[in-house]
Amino acid sequence: MFLYTKNFNEQKAKAMEGLRKALAENKVDEDIIPLLEKLNALENYFTTSSCSGRISVMEMPDFGDKVNSVWLGKWHREVNVEEVLDAIERHEKGQLWFLVRSPILHVGARTLEDAVRLLNLAIGLGFKYSNIKSVSHRKLLVEIRSTERMDVPLGAEGELWVDEAYIERIVAIANSQVRRFKGKLKKLEEEIERLKG
């Protein structure tokens, strides 16, 4: 049986309306916009959410508690040590974490064949954690995700556990990861038109 998404065109129109609003409110990472435009120009795909990857410093009551966490610094680009130290200085309570997250895109597909084609392209370009997130007549959703990630505890309750030399080292590693995943995003942007027709 050939699996396809019911009401695909309606879903795409609604997603495009949401994207237009997010763009107008500057809620879309600037460097991923050309990729989103190319993906959404394809007849059989539309994006539902995206992040171009980030480095962050976060204060959280307990690791994984996103709801009660506070961003002390968040960057969708390479950072310098001073920016990270400034963010760390704002730490008062809870756990202090330095985090790197790779890009993530959620893409609706018209048919299962379309979803598999996108998934294979993404994996081939280095987005190794990509998968088909949802498979039903209601929704076919591909998650495009890479492998770069860091979860580094830096301190707790206002106390810093590491010195500046250590922070310099992890910032260098994080920036290297950012360069790597931004390169993958650029390749995906260049190759995405292979999915036409």
N, C-alpha and C. Protein backbone atom coordinates (compact mmCIF):
# COMPACT_ATOMS: atom_id res chain seq x y z
N MET A 1 0.84 -1.19 0.00
CA MET A 1 0.00 0.00 0.00
C MET A 1 0.88 1.25 0.00
N PHE A 2 0.50 2.23 -0.81
CA PHE A 2 1.28 3.46 -0.95
C PHE A 2 0.82 4.45 0.12
N LEU A 3 1.70 4.77 1.06
CA LEU A 3 1.31 5.65 2.17
C LEU A 3 1.52 7.10 1.81
N TYR A 4 0.49 7.91 1.98
CA TYR A 4 0.59 9.34 1.69
C TYR A 4 -0.10 10.12 2.80
N THR A 5 0.22 11.42 2.88
CA THR A 5 -0.36 12.27 3.90
C THR A 5 -1.68 12.84 3.41
N LYS A 6 -2.77 12.60 4.15
CA LYS A 6 -4.05 13.22 3.82
C LYS A 6 -3.95 14.71 4.14
N ASN A 7 -4.64 15.53 3.36
CA ASN A 7 -4.67 16.99 3.57
C ASN A 7 -3.27 17.61 3.58
N PHE A 8 -2.34 17.05 2.80
CA PHE A 8 -0.97 17.56 2.77
C PHE A 8 -0.94 19.05 2.41
N ASN A 9 -1.68 19.44 1.37
CA ASN A 9 -1.65 20.84 0.93
C ASN A 9 -2.16 21.79 2.00
N GLU A 10 -3.19 21.37 2.73
CA GLU A 10 -3.70 22.20 3.84
C GLU A 10 -2.66 22.32 4.94
N GLN A 11 -2.02 21.19 5.27
CA GLN A 11 -0.98 21.21 6.32
C GLN A 11 0.17 22.12 5.92
N LYS A 12 0.56 22.04 4.64
CA LYS A 12 1.67 22.87 4.17
C LYS A 12 1.29 24.35 4.23
N ALA A 13 0.08 24.68 3.80
CA ALA A 13 -0.37 26.08 3.82
C ALA A 13 -0.35 26.63 5.25
N LYS A 14 -0.81 25.82 6.19
CA LYS A 14 -0.83 26.24 7.60
C LYS A 14 0.61 26.43 8.13
N ALA A 15 1.49 25.49 7.78
CA ALA A 15 2.89 25.59 8.21
C ALA A 15 3.56 26.83 7.62
N MET A 16 3.25 27.14 6.36
CA MET A 16 3.85 28.32 5.71
C MET A 16 3.35 29.61 6.35
N GLU A 17 2.10 29.61 6.76
CA GLU A 17 1.55 30.77 7.47
C GLU A 17 2.29 30.97 8.79
N GLY A 18 2.53 29.87 9.51
CA GLY A 18 3.28 29.94 10.77
C GLY A 18 4.71 30.41 10.56
N LEU A 19 5.34 29.93 9.47
CA LEU A 19 6.72 30.34 9.17
C LEU A 19 6.78 31.82 8.84
N ARG A 20 5.82 32.31 8.04
CA ARG A 20 5.80 33.75 7.70
C ARG A 20 5.71 34.60 8.96
N LYS A 21 4.87 34.17 9.89
CA LYS A 21 4.71 34.90 11.15
C LYS A 21 6.01 34.87 11.96
N ALA A 22 6.64 33.70 12.05
CA ALA A 22 7.90 33.56 12.78
C ALA A 22 9.00 34.42 12.16
N LEU A 23 9.05 34.47 10.82
CA LEU A 23 10.03 35.30 10.14
C LEU A 23 9.80 36.78 10.43
N ALA A 24 8.53 37.19 10.42
CA ALA A 24 8.19 38.59 10.69
C ALA A 24 8.57 39.00 12.11
N GLU A 25 8.53 38.03 13.03
CA GLU A 25 8.86 38.30 14.44
C GLU A 25 10.32 37.98 14.77
N ASN A 26 11.13 37.73 13.72
CA ASN A 26 12.55 37.38 13.90
C ASN A 26 12.75 36.19 14.84
N LYS A 27 11.91 35.18 14.70
CA LYS A 27 12.00 33.98 15.55
C LYS A 27 12.59 32.79 14.80
N VAL A 28 13.22 33.06 13.65
CA VAL A 28 13.85 31.99 12.87
C VAL A 28 15.35 32.30 12.79
N ASP A 29 16.19 31.28 13.04
CA ASP A 29 17.64 31.48 12.95
C ASP A 29 17.98 31.93 11.53
N GLU A 30 18.64 33.08 11.44
CA GLU A 30 18.89 33.73 10.16
C GLU A 30 19.63 32.84 9.15
N ASP A 31 20.63 32.11 9.64
CA ASP A 31 21.47 31.35 8.71
C ASP A 31 20.81 30.10 8.15
N ILE A 32 19.63 29.74 8.67
CA ILE A 32 18.94 28.55 8.16
C ILE A 32 17.82 28.93 7.19
N ILE A 33 17.53 30.23 7.07
CA ILE A 33 16.42 30.69 6.22
C ILE A 33 16.57 30.25 4.76
N PRO A 34 17.76 30.37 4.12
CA PRO A 34 17.85 29.92 2.72
C PRO A 34 17.52 28.43 2.54
N LEU A 35 17.92 27.59 3.50
CA LEU A 35 17.59 26.17 3.44
C LEU A 35 16.08 25.97 3.57
N LEU A 36 15.45 26.67 4.51
CA LEU A 36 14.00 26.55 4.69
C LEU A 36 13.27 26.96 3.41
N GLU A 37 13.73 28.05 2.79
CA GLU A 37 13.08 28.52 1.56
C GLU A 37 13.17 27.47 0.46
N LYS A 38 14.36 26.84 0.32
CA LYS A 38 14.52 25.81 -0.71
C LYS A 38 13.68 24.57 -0.42
N LEU A 39 13.64 24.16 0.85
CA LEU A 39 12.83 22.99 1.22
C LEU A 39 11.35 23.25 0.98
N ASN A 40 10.89 24.42 1.40
CA ASN A 40 9.47 24.73 1.28
C ASN A 40 9.04 25.02 -0.16
N ALA A 41 10.01 25.30 -1.03
CA ALA A 41 9.70 25.50 -2.45
C ALA A 41 9.44 24.16 -3.16
N LEU A 42 9.87 23.06 -2.53
CA LEU A 42 9.64 21.74 -3.11
C LEU A 42 8.18 21.33 -2.92
N GLU A 43 7.60 20.77 -3.95
CA GLU A 43 6.17 20.45 -3.96
C GLU A 43 5.76 19.46 -2.87
N ASN A 44 6.65 18.53 -2.52
CA ASN A 44 6.26 17.42 -1.64
C ASN A 44 6.78 17.53 -0.21
N TYR A 45 7.24 18.73 0.19
CA TYR A 45 7.81 18.91 1.53
C TYR A 45 7.41 20.26 2.11
N PHE A 46 7.42 20.33 3.44
CA PHE A 46 7.31 21.62 4.13
C PHE A 46 7.93 21.48 5.52
N THR A 47 8.50 22.56 6.00
CA THR A 47 9.12 22.53 7.33
C THR A 47 8.11 22.93 8.39
N THR A 48 8.21 22.27 9.55
CA THR A 48 7.32 22.61 10.66
C THR A 48 8.06 23.32 11.79
N SER A 49 9.36 23.04 11.93
CA SER A 49 10.18 23.73 12.94
C SER A 49 11.64 23.54 12.59
N SER A 50 12.48 24.43 13.14
CA SER A 50 13.90 24.33 12.83
C SER A 50 14.74 25.06 13.86
N CYS A 51 15.99 24.63 13.98
CA CYS A 51 17.02 25.32 14.75
C CYS A 51 18.33 25.06 14.03
N SER A 52 19.15 26.10 13.85
CA SER A 52 20.39 25.94 13.09
C SER A 52 21.54 25.43 13.96
N GLY A 53 21.22 25.04 15.19
CA GLY A 53 22.25 24.56 16.13
C GLY A 53 22.69 25.71 17.02
N ARG A 54 23.17 25.35 18.23
CA ARG A 54 23.51 26.43 19.16
C ARG A 54 24.51 25.99 20.22
N ILE A 55 25.14 27.01 20.80
CA ILE A 55 25.94 26.89 22.02
C ILE A 55 25.17 27.66 23.07
N SER A 56 25.09 27.11 24.28
CA SER A 56 24.39 27.85 25.33
C SER A 56 24.99 27.59 26.71
N VAL A 57 24.72 28.54 27.58
CA VAL A 57 25.01 28.39 29.01
C VAL A 57 23.65 28.45 29.68
N MET A 58 23.35 27.42 30.48
CA MET A 58 22.01 27.32 31.05
C MET A 58 22.06 27.01 32.54
N GLU A 59 21.14 27.62 33.22
CA GLU A 59 20.96 27.38 34.65
C GLU A 59 19.68 26.56 34.80
N MET A 60 19.78 25.40 35.45
CA MET A 60 18.59 24.57 35.61
C MET A 60 18.53 23.97 37.01
N PRO A 61 17.32 23.84 37.56
CA PRO A 61 17.18 23.25 38.90
C PRO A 61 17.77 21.84 38.94
N ASP A 62 17.41 21.03 37.94
CA ASP A 62 17.93 19.67 37.78
C ASP A 62 18.15 19.45 36.29
N PHE A 63 19.15 18.65 35.93
CA PHE A 63 19.44 18.42 34.52
C PHE A 63 18.22 17.85 33.83
N GLY A 64 17.87 18.46 32.69
CA GLY A 64 16.72 18.00 31.92
C GLY A 64 15.43 18.74 32.22
N ASP A 65 15.43 19.57 33.26
CA ASP A 65 14.23 20.34 33.62
C ASP A 65 14.17 21.61 32.75
N LYS A 66 13.68 21.44 31.51
CA LYS A 66 13.65 22.56 30.56
C LYS A 66 12.67 23.65 31.00
N VAL A 67 11.56 23.24 31.58
CA VAL A 67 10.51 24.19 31.94
C VAL A 67 11.00 25.27 32.90
N ASN A 68 11.79 24.88 33.88
CA ASN A 68 12.25 25.83 34.90
C ASN A 68 13.69 26.31 34.68
N SER A 69 14.24 26.01 33.51
CA SER A 69 15.62 26.42 33.21
C SER A 69 15.65 27.86 32.71
N VAL A 70 16.83 28.47 32.84
CA VAL A 70 17.03 29.87 32.41
C VAL A 70 18.24 29.92 31.49
N TRP A 71 18.06 30.54 30.31
CA TRP A 71 19.19 30.75 29.41
C TRP A 71 20.03 31.89 29.98
N LEU A 72 21.29 31.65 30.24
CA LEU A 72 22.19 32.72 30.64
C LEU A 72 22.95 33.26 29.43
N GLY A 73 23.04 32.44 28.41
CA GLY A 73 23.64 32.83 27.14
C GLY A 73 23.26 31.81 26.09
N LYS A 74 22.92 32.29 24.87
CA LYS A 74 22.52 31.38 23.79
C LYS A 74 22.97 31.99 22.47
N TRP A 75 23.72 31.19 21.69
CA TRP A 75 24.28 31.68 20.44
C TRP A 75 24.11 30.64 19.35
N HIS A 76 23.67 31.07 18.18
CA HIS A 76 23.54 30.17 17.02
C HIS A 76 24.75 30.35 16.10
N ARG A 77 25.91 30.48 16.70
CA ARG A 77 27.16 30.75 15.98
C ARG A 77 28.32 30.39 16.90
N GLU A 78 29.56 30.58 16.39
CA GLU A 78 30.72 30.41 17.26
C GLU A 78 30.72 31.52 18.32
N VAL A 79 31.34 31.23 19.46
CA VAL A 79 31.38 32.20 20.55
C VAL A 79 32.82 32.46 20.96
N ASN A 80 33.02 33.56 21.71
CA ASN A 80 34.35 33.77 22.29
C ASN A 80 34.25 33.52 23.80
N VAL A 81 35.38 33.32 24.41
CA VAL A 81 35.44 32.95 25.83
C VAL A 81 34.80 34.03 26.70
N GLU A 82 35.00 35.29 26.33
CA GLU A 82 34.44 36.40 27.14
C GLU A 82 32.92 36.33 27.20
N GLU A 83 32.27 36.00 26.07
CA GLU A 83 30.81 35.89 26.05
C GLU A 83 30.35 34.79 27.01
N VAL A 84 31.06 33.68 27.00
CA VAL A 84 30.70 32.56 27.86
C VAL A 84 30.93 32.93 29.33
N LEU A 85 32.04 33.57 29.62
CA LEU A 85 32.33 33.99 31.01
C LEU A 85 31.29 34.99 31.51
N ASP A 86 30.86 35.91 30.63
CA ASP A 86 29.81 36.87 31.01
C ASP A 86 28.52 36.14 31.38
N ALA A 87 28.18 35.12 30.59
CA ALA A 87 26.98 34.34 30.87
C ALA A 87 27.12 33.59 32.20
N ILE A 88 28.29 33.00 32.41
CA ILE A 88 28.54 32.25 33.64
C ILE A 88 28.40 33.14 34.88
N GLU A 89 28.83 34.38 34.76
CA GLU A 89 28.75 35.33 35.90
C GLU A 89 27.32 35.57 36.36
N ARG A 90 26.35 35.34 35.48
CA ARG A 90 24.94 35.55 35.85
C ARG A 90 24.36 34.38 36.64
N HIS A 91 25.14 33.30 36.78
CA HIS A 91 24.67 32.11 37.50
C HIS A 91 24.50 32.42 38.99
N GLU A 92 23.32 32.05 39.53
CA GLU A 92 23.03 32.27 40.95
C GLU A 92 22.66 30.99 41.68
N LYS A 93 21.81 30.17 41.04
CA LYS A 93 21.30 28.99 41.76
C LYS A 93 21.10 27.83 40.79
N GLY A 94 20.86 26.66 41.35
CA GLY A 94 20.66 25.47 40.53
C GLY A 94 21.97 25.03 39.90
N GLN A 95 21.85 24.17 38.89
CA GLN A 95 23.02 23.65 38.19
C GLN A 95 23.39 24.55 37.01
N LEU A 96 24.68 24.65 36.74
CA LEU A 96 25.17 25.46 35.63
C LEU A 96 25.74 24.53 34.56
N TRP A 97 25.23 24.66 33.32
CA TRP A 97 25.63 23.76 32.23
C TRP A 97 26.08 24.54 31.00
N PHE A 98 27.08 24.00 30.32
CA PHE A 98 27.52 24.49 29.02
C PHE A 98 27.05 23.44 28.01
N LEU A 99 26.28 23.85 27.01
CA LEU A 99 25.63 22.91 26.11
C LEU A 99 25.88 23.25 24.65
N VAL A 100 26.03 22.23 23.83
CA VAL A 100 26.03 22.39 22.38
C VAL A 100 24.94 21.47 21.84
N ARG A 101 24.11 22.02 20.95
CA ARG A 101 23.06 21.23 20.30
C ARG A 101 23.21 21.38 18.79
N SER A 102 23.16 20.27 18.10
CA SER A 102 23.28 20.29 16.64
C SER A 102 21.99 20.82 16.01
N PRO A 103 22.03 21.15 14.72
CA PRO A 103 20.80 21.60 14.05
C PRO A 103 19.72 20.53 14.11
N ILE A 104 18.48 21.00 14.05
CA ILE A 104 17.35 20.07 13.98
C ILE A 104 16.27 20.69 13.11
N LEU A 105 15.75 19.90 12.21
CA LEU A 105 14.64 20.34 11.35
C LEU A 105 13.57 19.27 11.36
N HIS A 106 12.33 19.69 11.39
CA HIS A 106 11.21 18.78 11.22
C HIS A 106 10.55 19.13 9.90
N VAL A 107 10.40 18.10 9.05
CA VAL A 107 9.91 18.31 7.69
C VAL A 107 8.76 17.37 7.38
N GLY A 108 7.64 17.94 6.99
CA GLY A 108 6.50 17.13 6.55
C GLY A 108 6.73 16.66 5.13
N ALA A 109 6.32 15.42 4.82
CA ALA A 109 6.47 14.85 3.48
C ALA A 109 5.11 14.39 2.97
N ARG A 110 4.93 14.47 1.65
CA ARG A 110 3.64 14.08 1.06
C ARG A 110 3.44 12.56 1.11
N THR A 111 4.49 11.79 0.78
CA THR A 111 4.38 10.33 0.75
C THR A 111 5.53 9.71 1.54
N LEU A 112 5.38 8.44 1.86
CA LEU A 112 6.46 7.73 2.55
C LEU A 112 7.71 7.68 1.67
N GLU A 113 7.52 7.55 0.37
CA GLU A 113 8.66 7.56 -0.56
C GLU A 113 9.41 8.89 -0.47
N ASP A 114 8.66 10.01 -0.41
CA ASP A 114 9.29 11.33 -0.27
C ASP A 114 10.06 11.42 1.05
N ALA A 115 9.47 10.91 2.11
CA ALA A 115 10.12 10.95 3.43
C ALA A 115 11.43 10.17 3.40
N VAL A 116 11.41 8.99 2.79
CA VAL A 116 12.62 8.16 2.72
C VAL A 116 13.69 8.83 1.87
N ARG A 117 13.31 9.47 0.77
CA ARG A 117 14.29 10.17 -0.08
C ARG A 117 14.98 11.28 0.71
N LEU A 118 14.22 12.07 1.46
CA LEU A 118 14.80 13.15 2.27
C LEU A 118 15.69 12.57 3.36
N LEU A 119 15.22 11.52 4.02
CA LEU A 119 15.99 10.88 5.08
C LEU A 119 17.33 10.37 4.55
N ASN A 120 17.31 9.70 3.41
CA ASN A 120 18.55 9.17 2.83
C ASN A 120 19.51 10.28 2.45
N LEU A 121 18.99 11.38 1.90
CA LEU A 121 19.84 12.52 1.55
C LEU A 121 20.50 13.09 2.80
N ALA A 122 19.70 13.31 3.85
CA ALA A 122 20.22 13.89 5.09
C ALA A 122 21.29 13.01 5.73
N ILE A 123 21.03 11.73 5.82
CA ILE A 123 22.00 10.80 6.42
C ILE A 123 23.29 10.78 5.59
N GLY A 124 23.15 10.79 4.27
CA GLY A 124 24.30 10.79 3.39
C GLY A 124 25.17 12.03 3.52
N LEU A 125 24.58 13.13 3.99
CA LEU A 125 25.32 14.39 4.17
C LEU A 125 25.84 14.56 5.59
N GLY A 126 25.69 13.52 6.42
CA GLY A 126 26.27 13.58 7.76
C GLY A 126 25.28 13.82 8.89
N PHE A 127 23.98 13.92 8.58
CA PHE A 127 22.97 14.09 9.64
C PHE A 127 22.56 12.69 10.12
N LYS A 128 23.48 12.05 10.84
CA LYS A 128 23.39 10.62 11.16
C LYS A 128 22.25 10.27 12.13
N TYR A 129 21.77 11.24 12.92
CA TYR A 129 20.69 10.96 13.87
C TYR A 129 19.31 11.25 13.28
N SER A 130 19.25 11.44 11.96
CA SER A 130 17.96 11.70 11.31
C SER A 130 17.09 10.45 11.35
N ASN A 131 15.78 10.67 11.32
CA ASN A 131 14.84 9.55 11.39
C ASN A 131 13.47 9.98 10.88
N ILE A 132 12.61 9.01 10.69
CA ILE A 132 11.21 9.32 10.39
C ILE A 132 10.48 9.32 11.72
N LYS A 133 10.01 10.48 12.10
CA LYS A 133 9.44 10.71 13.44
C LYS A 133 8.00 10.23 13.54
N SER A 134 7.26 10.36 12.44
CA SER A 134 5.85 9.98 12.45
C SER A 134 5.48 9.37 11.10
N VAL A 135 4.78 8.24 11.14
CA VAL A 135 4.34 7.57 9.92
C VAL A 135 2.86 7.23 10.06
N SER A 136 2.02 8.01 9.37
CA SER A 136 0.59 7.73 9.36
C SER A 136 -0.04 8.48 8.18
N HIS A 137 -1.29 8.20 7.89
CA HIS A 137 -1.99 8.94 6.84
C HIS A 137 -2.18 10.40 7.26
N ARG A 138 -2.17 10.63 8.56
CA ARG A 138 -2.37 11.98 9.08
C ARG A 138 -1.10 12.82 8.94
N LYS A 139 0.06 12.17 9.14
CA LYS A 139 1.31 12.93 9.13
C LYS A 139 2.50 12.02 8.84
N LEU A 140 3.36 12.49 7.93
CA LEU A 140 4.65 11.86 7.68
C LEU A 140 5.69 12.92 8.01
N LEU A 141 6.44 12.71 9.07
CA LEU A 141 7.35 13.74 9.54
C LEU A 141 8.78 13.19 9.64
N VAL A 142 9.71 13.89 8.99
CA VAL A 142 11.13 13.53 9.03
C VAL A 142 11.83 14.48 9.99
N GLU A 143 12.66 13.92 10.86
CA GLU A 143 13.50 14.74 11.74
C GLU A 143 14.93 14.67 11.20
N ILE A 144 15.49 15.83 10.87
CA ILE A 144 16.88 15.91 10.40
C ILE A 144 17.72 16.41 11.56
N ARG A 145 18.69 15.58 11.97
CA ARG A 145 19.49 15.90 13.16
C ARG A 145 20.89 15.35 13.00
N SER A 146 21.84 16.09 13.51
CA SER A 146 23.24 15.69 13.42
C SER A 146 23.72 15.13 14.76
N THR A 147 25.00 14.80 14.83
CA THR A 147 25.54 14.10 16.01
C THR A 147 26.24 15.00 17.01
N GLU A 148 26.54 16.24 16.62
CA GLU A 148 27.31 17.12 17.51
C GLU A 148 26.49 17.47 18.76
N ARG A 149 27.14 17.32 19.92
CA ARG A 149 26.45 17.60 21.18
C ARG A 149 27.46 17.65 22.31
N MET A 150 27.25 18.56 23.25
CA MET A 150 28.04 18.62 24.48
C MET A 150 27.11 18.93 25.64
N ASP A 151 27.32 18.27 26.75
CA ASP A 151 26.62 18.54 28.00
C ASP A 151 27.69 18.60 29.09
N VAL A 152 28.13 19.80 29.43
CA VAL A 152 29.24 19.94 30.38
C VAL A 152 28.78 20.66 31.64
N PRO A 153 28.79 19.99 32.80
CA PRO A 153 28.45 20.68 34.05
C PRO A 153 29.60 21.61 34.45
N LEU A 154 29.25 22.85 34.78
CA LEU A 154 30.28 23.84 35.14
C LEU A 154 30.25 24.22 36.62
N GLY A 155 29.11 23.98 37.27
CA GLY A 155 29.02 24.37 38.68
C GLY A 155 27.60 24.21 39.19
N ALA A 156 27.38 24.69 40.41
CA ALA A 156 26.05 24.64 41.02
C ALA A 156 25.96 25.64 42.15
N GLU A 157 24.74 26.13 42.34
CA GLU A 157 24.43 27.05 43.45
C GLU A 157 25.42 28.21 43.54
N GLY A 158 25.76 28.77 42.38
CA GLY A 158 26.63 29.94 42.34
C GLY A 158 28.12 29.62 42.39
N GLU A 159 28.48 28.35 42.57
CA GLU A 159 29.89 27.96 42.66
C GLU A 159 30.36 27.40 41.32
N LEU A 160 31.51 27.88 40.84
CA LEU A 160 32.09 27.40 39.59
C LEU A 160 33.08 26.28 39.91
N TRP A 161 32.93 25.15 39.23
CA TRP A 161 33.78 23.98 39.50
C TRP A 161 35.03 23.92 38.63
N VAL A 162 35.11 24.77 37.63
CA VAL A 162 36.22 24.70 36.67
C VAL A 162 36.91 26.05 36.56
N ASP A 163 38.14 26.04 36.02
CA ASP A 163 38.86 27.31 35.87
C ASP A 163 38.71 27.85 34.44
N GLU A 164 39.24 29.03 34.21
CA GLU A 164 39.10 29.69 32.91
C GLU A 164 39.79 28.91 31.80
N ALA A 165 40.91 28.26 32.11
CA ALA A 165 41.62 27.48 31.10
C ALA A 165 40.74 26.34 30.58
N TYR A 166 39.98 25.72 31.49
CA TYR A 166 39.08 24.64 31.09
C TYR A 166 37.96 25.20 30.20
N ILE A 167 37.42 26.35 30.57
CA ILE A 167 36.36 26.97 29.77
C ILE A 167 36.88 27.30 28.38
N GLU A 168 38.12 27.78 28.29
CA GLU A 168 38.72 28.06 26.97
C GLU A 168 38.76 26.79 26.11
N ARG A 169 39.10 25.67 26.74
CA ARG A 169 39.18 24.40 26.00
C ARG A 169 37.81 23.95 25.49
N ILE A 170 36.79 24.02 26.35
CA ILE A 170 35.47 23.55 25.90
C ILE A 170 34.86 24.51 24.87
N VAL A 171 35.17 25.79 24.97
CA VAL A 171 34.68 26.75 23.97
C VAL A 171 35.32 26.43 22.61
N ALA A 172 36.61 26.09 22.60
CA ALA A 172 37.28 25.74 21.35
C ALA A 172 36.65 24.49 20.73
N ILE A 173 36.35 23.49 21.56
CA ILE A 173 35.71 22.27 21.06
C ILE A 173 34.31 22.59 20.53
N ALA A 174 33.57 23.40 21.27
CA ALA A 174 32.21 23.78 20.85
C ALA A 174 32.24 24.51 19.51
N ASN A 175 33.17 25.46 19.36
CA ASN A 175 33.27 26.20 18.11
C ASN A 175 33.62 25.28 16.94
N SER A 176 34.44 24.28 17.20
CA SER A 176 34.78 23.30 16.17
C SER A 176 33.53 22.52 15.76
N GLN A 177 32.69 22.16 16.72
CA GLN A 177 31.44 21.46 16.42
C GLN A 177 30.50 22.35 15.61
N VAL A 178 30.43 23.64 15.98
CA VAL A 178 29.57 24.58 15.24
C VAL A 178 30.02 24.67 13.78
N ARG A 179 31.32 24.82 13.56
CA ARG A 179 31.82 24.88 12.18
C ARG A 179 31.44 23.62 11.41
N ARG A 180 31.53 22.50 12.08
CA ARG A 180 31.21 21.22 11.44
C ARG A 180 29.73 21.14 11.06
N PHE A 181 28.83 21.46 12.01
CA PHE A 181 27.41 21.31 11.66
C PHE A 181 26.90 22.42 10.75
N LYS A 182 27.50 23.60 10.81
CA LYS A 182 27.09 24.66 9.87
C LYS A 182 27.50 24.26 8.45
N GLY A 183 28.65 23.58 8.33
CA GLY A 183 29.08 23.07 7.02
C GLY A 183 28.10 22.04 6.47
N LYS A 184 27.60 21.17 7.36
CA LYS A 184 26.61 20.17 6.94
C LYS A 184 25.31 20.85 6.48
N LEU A 185 24.89 21.88 7.20
CA LEU A 185 23.67 22.61 6.81
C LEU A 185 23.83 23.22 5.42
N LYS A 186 25.02 23.78 5.15
CA LYS A 186 25.28 24.39 3.85
C LYS A 186 25.22 23.34 2.75
N LYS A 187 25.80 22.16 3.01
CA LYS A 187 25.75 21.07 2.03
C LYS A 187 24.31 20.65 1.77
N LEU A 188 23.51 20.56 2.83
CA LEU A 188 22.10 20.19 2.67
C LEU A 188 21.38 21.23 1.82
N GLU A 189 21.65 22.50 2.10
CA GLU A 189 21.05 23.58 1.31
C GLU A 189 21.42 23.44 -0.17
N GLU A 190 22.69 23.10 -0.45
CA GLU A 190 23.16 22.96 -1.83
C GLU A 190 22.56 21.74 -2.52
N GLU A 191 22.30 20.67 -1.76
CA GLU A 191 21.87 19.40 -2.35
C GLU A 191 20.35 19.19 -2.35
N ILE A 192 19.61 20.03 -1.63
CA ILE A 192 18.19 19.76 -1.38
C ILE A 192 17.38 19.70 -2.68
N GLU A 193 17.82 20.42 -3.70
CA GLU A 193 17.04 20.44 -4.94
C GLU A 193 17.09 19.11 -5.69
N ARG A 194 17.96 18.20 -5.25
CA ARG A 194 17.97 16.85 -5.82
C ARG A 194 16.63 16.14 -5.57
N LEU A 195 15.84 16.66 -4.62
CA LEU A 195 14.56 16.03 -4.28
C LEU A 195 13.43 16.51 -5.18
N LYS A 196 13.69 17.41 -6.12
CA LYS A 196 12.63 17.91 -7.03
C LYS A 196 12.05 16.76 -7.84
N GLY A 197 10.71 16.83 -7.97
CA GLY A 197 10.01 15.89 -8.87
C GLY A 197 10.29 14.51 -8.54
